[in-house]
Amino acid sequence: MMREPVPELSIVIPCFNEIENVRAITQAVTREAEQHAASHEIILIDNFSTDGTRDAIRALCAEDRRVRGILNNRNYGQMRSPTHGIYQARGRAVIGMCADFQDPPALIGTLMSLWRGGARIVLAQRRSERASPLLTLARRAGYAVLGRIADYPVLPNVTGFGLFDRTVIDTVSRWHEPEPFFRGMVVESGFPVALVPFDRPERAAGETKNNLASLFSFALSGLAGSAKALLRLPILLSLWAGGIAALLLLAGLVAAVLGGPAWPLLGCAAAGGMFACVLLFLGLIGDQVRLIAERTRGVPLVVEEARINFPDGA
């Protein structure tokens, strides 16, 4: 049997309760891909929707063999499911985008043009977005904190919408991250990044799946995955506590020699010394946990209930 040729472009669209958008976004993306790519595939990965999205995906796959479906057997969250979909893409270039039209399909041509010009990673960078002041403030604070402690450059207002060369996908997929912060991983890979500013429109239909709680959880996962220095923070704090304890001990000894009240200072020095030891051991344990986690990865990102229209062996 002849093996299906590798498409030039794969477009991966994660879905969760997107019955009002999934057909429209698939049709819009198809139109753009037919204009800007020699060949393409569209992967709709559903994260256990309950509103009929899964049936809509099956229908779309039946209408067009270039549309492929992955149906998860449960909801695996906002990071694991989209990343798994990207890893299943076979295209020489892979675009990841949302199903709600907040990632405009009209930008596909721009992303492809920059990729053909040599860019390995092309990320859309949000210039503006209509959001509540509280959500805007929370995002700014998150970018500020992550930018100070992350192990690689943090690009503010980059949502994950972008294009990734096959070499980038192959590189980061080998890391086997159990909770992949994909937008950070691609930057961490070290490939040059091209940015495309855009004004993010409002959601076309349906309700947003993001709220402060989900964004906070997403931010924590990003911090844990991209800022290993956090695990060593207790060690640094132990040095500060140990230094203060040493000064208090010295002051207590001087007070004892001079006949002053030494016991309060010596007691504080002892407590500070114990606190420094506890922090030191916490830091060392945290670093060991990090090493263990890095050496024992192997949990699948998702378990698939079904996949539709994928070539044999893919």
Protein backbone atom coordinates (compact mmCIF):
# COMPACT_ATOMS: atom_id res chain seq x y z
CA MET A 1 0.00 0.00 0.00
CA MET A 2 1.37 3.42 -1.00
CA ARG A 3 2.19 5.60 2.02
CA GLU A 4 0.34 8.92 2.14
CA PRO A 5 2.74 11.80 1.35
CA VAL A 6 3.80 14.14 4.13
CA PRO A 7 1.81 17.40 3.94
CA GLU A 8 3.60 20.71 3.75
CA LEU A 9 1.41 22.16 6.53
CA SER A 10 -0.37 20.73 9.55
CA ILE A 11 -2.86 22.85 11.47
CA VAL A 12 -3.74 21.63 14.96
CA ILE A 13 -6.92 22.90 16.62
CA PRO A 14 -7.71 21.81 20.20
CA CYS A 15 -11.42 21.61 20.99
CA PHE A 16 -13.46 21.48 24.17
CA ASN A 17 -17.19 22.17 23.90
CA GLU A 18 -16.76 24.11 20.64
CA ILE A 19 -19.90 22.94 18.84
CA GLU A 20 -20.65 26.55 17.80
CA ASN A 21 -17.20 27.06 16.27
CA VAL A 22 -15.68 23.76 15.13
CA ARG A 23 -17.26 23.61 11.66
CA ALA A 24 -16.73 27.31 10.94
CA ILE A 25 -13.09 27.28 12.04
CA THR A 26 -12.37 24.12 10.03
CA GLN A 27 -13.87 25.66 6.89
CA ALA A 28 -12.01 28.96 7.39
CA VAL A 29 -8.70 27.21 8.00
CA THR A 30 -9.21 24.98 4.97
CA ARG A 31 -9.71 28.01 2.72
CA GLU A 32 -6.51 29.64 3.98
CA ALA A 33 -4.46 26.43 3.82
CA GLU A 34 -5.53 25.77 0.23
CA GLN A 35 -4.29 29.23 -0.71
CA HIS A 36 -0.97 29.20 1.12
CA ALA A 37 0.22 25.57 1.32
CA ALA A 38 0.98 23.00 -1.36
CA SER A 39 -0.74 20.37 0.78
CA HIS A 40 -2.17 20.32 4.27
CA GLU A 41 -3.89 18.41 7.04
CA ILE A 42 -6.11 19.70 9.86
CA ILE A 43 -6.04 17.90 13.21
CA LEU A 44 -9.00 18.47 15.53
CA ILE A 45 -8.15 17.09 18.98
CA ASP A 46 -11.14 16.94 21.31
CA ASN A 47 -10.61 17.04 25.06
CA PHE A 48 -13.74 15.05 26.00
CA SER A 49 -16.40 17.56 24.96
CA THR A 50 -19.97 17.02 26.15
CA ASP A 51 -21.88 19.31 23.76
CA GLY A 52 -21.76 17.43 20.45
CA THR A 53 -18.32 18.61 19.34
CA ARG A 54 -17.13 15.02 18.99
CA ASP A 55 -19.95 14.15 16.60
CA ALA A 56 -19.21 17.30 14.60
CA ILE A 57 -15.56 16.27 14.31
CA ARG A 58 -16.58 12.83 13.03
CA ALA A 59 -18.81 14.48 10.43
CA LEU A 60 -16.05 16.84 9.29
CA CYS A 61 -13.63 13.92 8.96
CA ALA A 62 -16.16 12.04 6.83
CA GLU A 63 -16.51 15.04 4.51
CA ASP A 64 -12.78 15.69 3.98
CA ARG A 65 -9.98 13.15 4.32
CA ARG A 66 -7.56 15.98 5.06
CA VAL A 67 -9.39 16.60 8.35
CA ARG A 68 -8.21 14.24 11.07
CA GLY A 69 -9.72 13.72 14.50
CA ILE A 70 -8.35 12.67 17.88
CA LEU A 71 -10.88 12.00 20.63
CA ASN A 72 -9.44 11.84 24.16
CA ASN A 73 -10.94 9.41 26.65
CA ARG A 74 -11.14 12.18 29.28
CA ASN A 75 -10.23 15.83 29.76
CA TYR A 76 -6.45 16.14 30.06
CA GLY A 77 -6.26 19.88 30.61
CA GLN A 78 -5.18 22.91 28.59
CA MET A 79 -1.55 21.91 28.11
CA ARG A 80 -1.38 18.17 27.56
CA SER A 81 -4.13 17.79 24.96
CA PRO A 82 -3.04 20.58 22.56
CA THR A 83 0.59 19.49 22.81
CA HIS A 84 -0.30 15.88 22.07
CA GLY A 85 -2.15 17.04 18.98
CA ILE A 86 0.89 18.98 17.80
CA TYR A 87 3.11 15.93 18.31
CA GLN A 88 0.79 13.87 16.06
CA ALA A 89 1.13 16.34 13.17
CA ARG A 90 3.22 15.16 10.20
CA GLY A 91 3.62 18.42 8.30
CA ARG A 92 6.91 20.09 7.50
CA ALA A 93 5.42 23.11 9.24
CA VAL A 94 2.91 22.91 12.10
CA ILE A 95 0.50 25.64 13.20
CA GLY A 96 -1.25 25.52 16.55
CA MET A 97 -4.35 27.69 17.00
CA CYS A 98 -7.58 28.00 18.99
CA ALA A 99 -11.02 26.99 17.74
CA ASP A 100 -12.78 30.22 18.75
CA PHE A 101 -11.36 32.54 16.02
CA GLN A 102 -9.30 34.51 18.55
CA ASP A 103 -6.33 33.19 16.57
CA PRO A 104 -7.24 34.62 13.13
CA PRO A 105 -7.00 32.11 10.25
CA ALA A 106 -6.14 35.09 8.00
CA LEU A 107 -2.65 35.12 9.57
CA ILE A 108 -1.81 31.66 8.20
CA GLY A 109 -0.41 33.21 5.00
CA THR A 110 1.88 35.52 6.99
CA LEU A 111 3.13 32.66 9.16
CA MET A 112 3.85 30.53 6.10
CA SER A 113 5.64 33.38 4.33
CA LEU A 114 8.02 33.90 7.26
CA TRP A 115 8.61 30.15 7.52
CA ARG A 116 9.48 29.93 3.83
CA GLY A 117 11.85 32.84 4.44
CA GLY A 118 13.80 30.69 6.92
CA ALA A 119 12.14 31.21 10.29
CA ARG A 120 11.96 28.03 12.38
CA ILE A 121 9.53 29.48 14.94
CA VAL A 122 6.94 32.17 14.14
CA LEU A 123 4.83 33.35 17.07
CA ALA A 124 1.85 35.68 16.95
CA GLN A 125 2.20 38.37 19.62
CA ARG A 126 -0.94 40.00 20.93
CA ARG A 127 -0.97 43.80 20.61
CA SER A 128 -4.36 44.24 22.18
CA GLU A 129 -7.22 42.24 23.59
CA ARG A 130 -10.50 43.13 25.19
CA ALA A 131 -10.26 41.73 28.70
CA SER A 132 -11.20 42.75 32.21
CA PRO A 133 -8.73 45.04 34.03
CA LEU A 134 -8.20 42.33 36.66
CA LEU A 135 -7.33 39.70 34.04
CA THR A 136 -5.01 42.15 32.25
CA LEU A 137 -3.25 42.98 35.52
CA ALA A 138 -2.89 39.29 36.38
CA ARG A 139 -1.32 38.55 32.98
CA ARG A 140 1.13 41.43 33.28
CA ALA A 141 2.13 40.33 36.76
CA GLY A 142 2.60 36.75 35.55
CA TYR A 143 4.83 37.79 32.66
CA ALA A 144 6.86 40.04 34.99
CA VAL A 145 7.48 37.28 37.52
CA LEU A 146 8.27 34.64 34.91
CA GLY A 147 10.56 37.03 33.07
CA ARG A 148 12.67 37.53 36.19
CA ILE A 149 13.19 33.89 37.09
CA ALA A 150 12.74 31.82 33.92
CA ASP A 151 15.63 29.87 32.45
CA TYR A 152 15.06 31.34 28.96
CA PRO A 153 13.72 34.59 27.46
CA VAL A 154 10.03 35.18 28.14
CA LEU A 155 8.04 36.75 25.29
CA PRO A 156 5.13 38.76 26.71
CA ASN A 157 1.67 38.49 25.15
CA VAL A 158 2.55 35.39 23.15
CA THR A 159 -0.42 33.04 23.45
CA GLY A 160 0.88 29.91 21.74
CA PHE A 161 -0.62 30.73 18.34
CA GLY A 162 2.16 30.28 15.83
CA LEU A 163 4.05 28.12 13.37
CA PHE A 164 6.77 25.62 14.21
CA ASP A 165 9.19 23.95 11.82
CA ARG A 166 9.39 20.17 11.82
CA THR A 167 12.87 20.31 13.40
CA VAL A 168 11.44 22.26 16.36
CA ILE A 169 8.60 19.78 16.90
CA ASP A 170 10.96 16.81 16.70
CA THR A 171 13.32 18.47 19.19
CA VAL A 172 10.82 19.31 21.93
CA SER A 173 8.82 16.07 21.55
CA ARG A 174 11.93 14.11 22.59
CA TRP A 175 11.89 15.86 25.98
CA HIS A 176 8.84 13.83 27.09
CA GLU A 177 7.55 16.61 29.34
CA PRO A 178 4.66 15.23 31.44
CA GLU A 179 3.09 18.71 31.81
CA PRO A 180 4.34 20.51 28.68
CA PHE A 181 4.35 24.31 28.76
CA PHE A 182 4.67 24.27 24.98
CA ARG A 183 4.98 28.00 24.28
CA GLY A 184 7.92 28.06 26.69
CA MET A 185 9.47 24.83 25.45
CA VAL A 186 9.77 26.06 21.86
CA VAL A 187 11.62 29.18 23.05
CA GLU A 188 13.79 27.08 25.36
CA SER A 189 14.79 24.95 22.36
CA GLY A 190 17.00 27.82 21.23
CA PHE A 191 15.76 28.16 17.65
CA PRO A 192 15.36 31.78 16.44
CA VAL A 193 11.90 33.25 16.94
CA ALA A 194 10.10 35.62 14.56
CA LEU A 195 7.17 37.63 15.97
CA VAL A 196 3.98 38.69 14.20
CA PRO A 197 2.03 41.41 16.09
CA PHE A 198 -1.75 41.16 15.85
CA ASP A 199 -4.88 42.52 17.49
CA ARG A 200 -6.72 39.63 19.08
CA PRO A 201 -10.44 39.67 18.28
CA GLU A 202 -13.22 38.66 20.62
CA ARG A 203 -14.33 35.04 20.76
CA ALA A 204 -16.63 34.24 17.80
CA ALA A 205 -19.15 32.14 19.74
CA GLY A 206 -19.54 30.07 22.87
CA GLU A 207 -18.06 30.70 26.28
CA THR A 208 -14.39 31.08 27.10
CA LYS A 209 -12.78 28.18 28.93
CA ASN A 210 -10.32 30.52 30.67
CA ASN A 211 -10.90 32.20 34.00
CA LEU A 212 -8.62 33.47 36.74
CA ALA A 213 -8.43 30.02 38.34
CA SER A 214 -7.50 28.21 35.12
CA LEU A 215 -5.00 30.91 34.14
CA PHE A 216 -3.44 30.75 37.61
CA SER A 217 -3.07 26.98 37.26
CA PHE A 218 -1.57 27.47 33.79
CA ALA A 219 0.88 30.05 35.18
CA LEU A 220 1.98 27.74 37.98
CA SER A 221 2.65 24.95 35.49
CA GLY A 222 4.67 27.39 33.41
CA LEU A 223 6.70 28.44 36.43
CA ALA A 224 7.33 24.86 37.48
CA GLY A 225 8.38 23.81 34.00
CA SER A 226 10.41 26.82 32.96
CA ALA A 227 12.04 28.15 36.14
CA LYS A 228 14.08 25.41 37.79
CA ALA A 229 15.69 28.11 39.93
CA LEU A 230 12.50 28.10 42.04
CA LEU A 231 13.46 24.71 43.45
CA ARG A 232 16.75 26.20 44.61
CA LEU A 233 15.14 29.22 46.24
CA PRO A 234 15.08 27.54 49.69
CA ILE A 235 18.85 27.06 49.43
CA LEU A 236 19.34 30.76 48.77
CA LEU A 237 17.01 31.67 51.63
CA SER A 238 18.94 29.33 53.91
CA LEU A 239 22.11 31.29 53.18
CA TRP A 240 20.38 34.53 54.15
CA ALA A 241 18.95 32.96 57.31
CA GLY A 242 22.31 31.45 58.19
CA GLY A 243 24.01 34.81 57.73
CA ILE A 244 21.51 36.56 59.99
CA ALA A 245 21.85 33.78 62.59
CA ALA A 246 25.64 34.21 62.53
CA LEU A 247 25.32 37.96 63.11
CA LEU A 248 22.90 37.39 66.00
CA LEU A 249 25.28 34.84 67.50
CA LEU A 250 28.17 37.29 67.25
CA ALA A 251 26.07 40.04 68.81
CA GLY A 252 25.03 37.69 71.64
CA LEU A 253 28.64 36.75 72.36
CA VAL A 254 29.67 40.42 72.40
CA ALA A 255 26.77 41.20 74.76
CA ALA A 256 27.79 38.34 77.04
CA VAL A 257 31.36 39.64 77.23
CA LEU A 258 30.15 43.17 77.97
CA GLY A 259 27.69 41.94 80.59
CA GLY A 260 24.59 42.82 78.58
CA PRO A 261 21.42 40.77 77.86
CA ALA A 262 22.88 37.98 75.74
CA TRP A 263 20.27 35.24 76.00
CA PRO A 264 17.62 36.82 73.74
CA LEU A 265 20.19 37.30 70.99
CA LEU A 266 21.59 33.79 71.42
CA GLY A 267 18.06 32.31 71.36
CA CYS A 268 17.24 34.14 68.13
CA ALA A 269 20.55 32.98 66.67
CA ALA A 270 19.74 29.35 67.51
CA ALA A 271 16.26 29.61 65.99
CA GLY A 272 17.66 31.27 62.87
CA GLY A 273 20.28 28.55 62.55
CA MET A 274 17.64 25.82 62.76
CA PHE A 275 15.48 27.63 60.19
CA ALA A 276 18.48 27.88 57.85
CA CYS A 277 19.13 24.13 58.16
CA VAL A 278 15.49 23.30 57.40
CA LEU A 279 15.53 25.53 54.31
CA LEU A 280 18.81 24.01 53.16
CA PHE A 281 17.44 20.48 53.35
CA LEU A 282 14.19 21.54 51.62
CA GLY A 283 16.24 23.01 48.80
CA LEU A 284 18.35 19.89 48.43
CA ILE A 285 15.25 17.66 48.47
CA GLY A 286 13.59 19.88 45.86
CA ASP A 287 16.61 19.60 43.60
CA GLN A 288 16.62 15.82 44.00
CA VAL A 289 12.89 15.67 43.15
CA ARG A 290 13.62 17.68 40.00
CA LEU A 291 16.35 15.25 38.99
CA ILE A 292 14.14 12.23 39.68
CA ALA A 293 11.29 13.75 37.64
CA GLU A 294 13.59 14.46 34.71
CA ARG A 295 14.90 10.89 34.74
CA THR A 296 11.60 9.05 35.09
CA ARG A 297 9.31 10.77 32.57
CA GLY A 298 7.20 8.46 30.48
CA VAL A 299 3.54 9.14 31.31
CA PRO A 300 1.55 9.65 28.08
CA LEU A 301 0.15 13.13 27.56
CA VAL A 302 -3.31 11.72 26.75
CA VAL A 303 -4.99 8.39 26.17
CA GLU A 304 -6.89 8.40 22.91
CA GLU A 305 -10.38 6.94 22.63
CA ALA A 306 -10.27 7.15 18.84
CA ARG A 307 -8.37 8.69 15.96
CA ILE A 308 -9.93 9.31 12.58
CA ASN A 309 -8.45 9.67 9.06
CA PHE A 310 -4.85 9.22 10.14
CA PRO A 311 -2.66 7.28 7.72
CA ASP A 312 -1.83 3.68 8.67
CA GLY A 313 0.93 3.66 11.27
CA ALA A 314 0.55 7.36 12.09
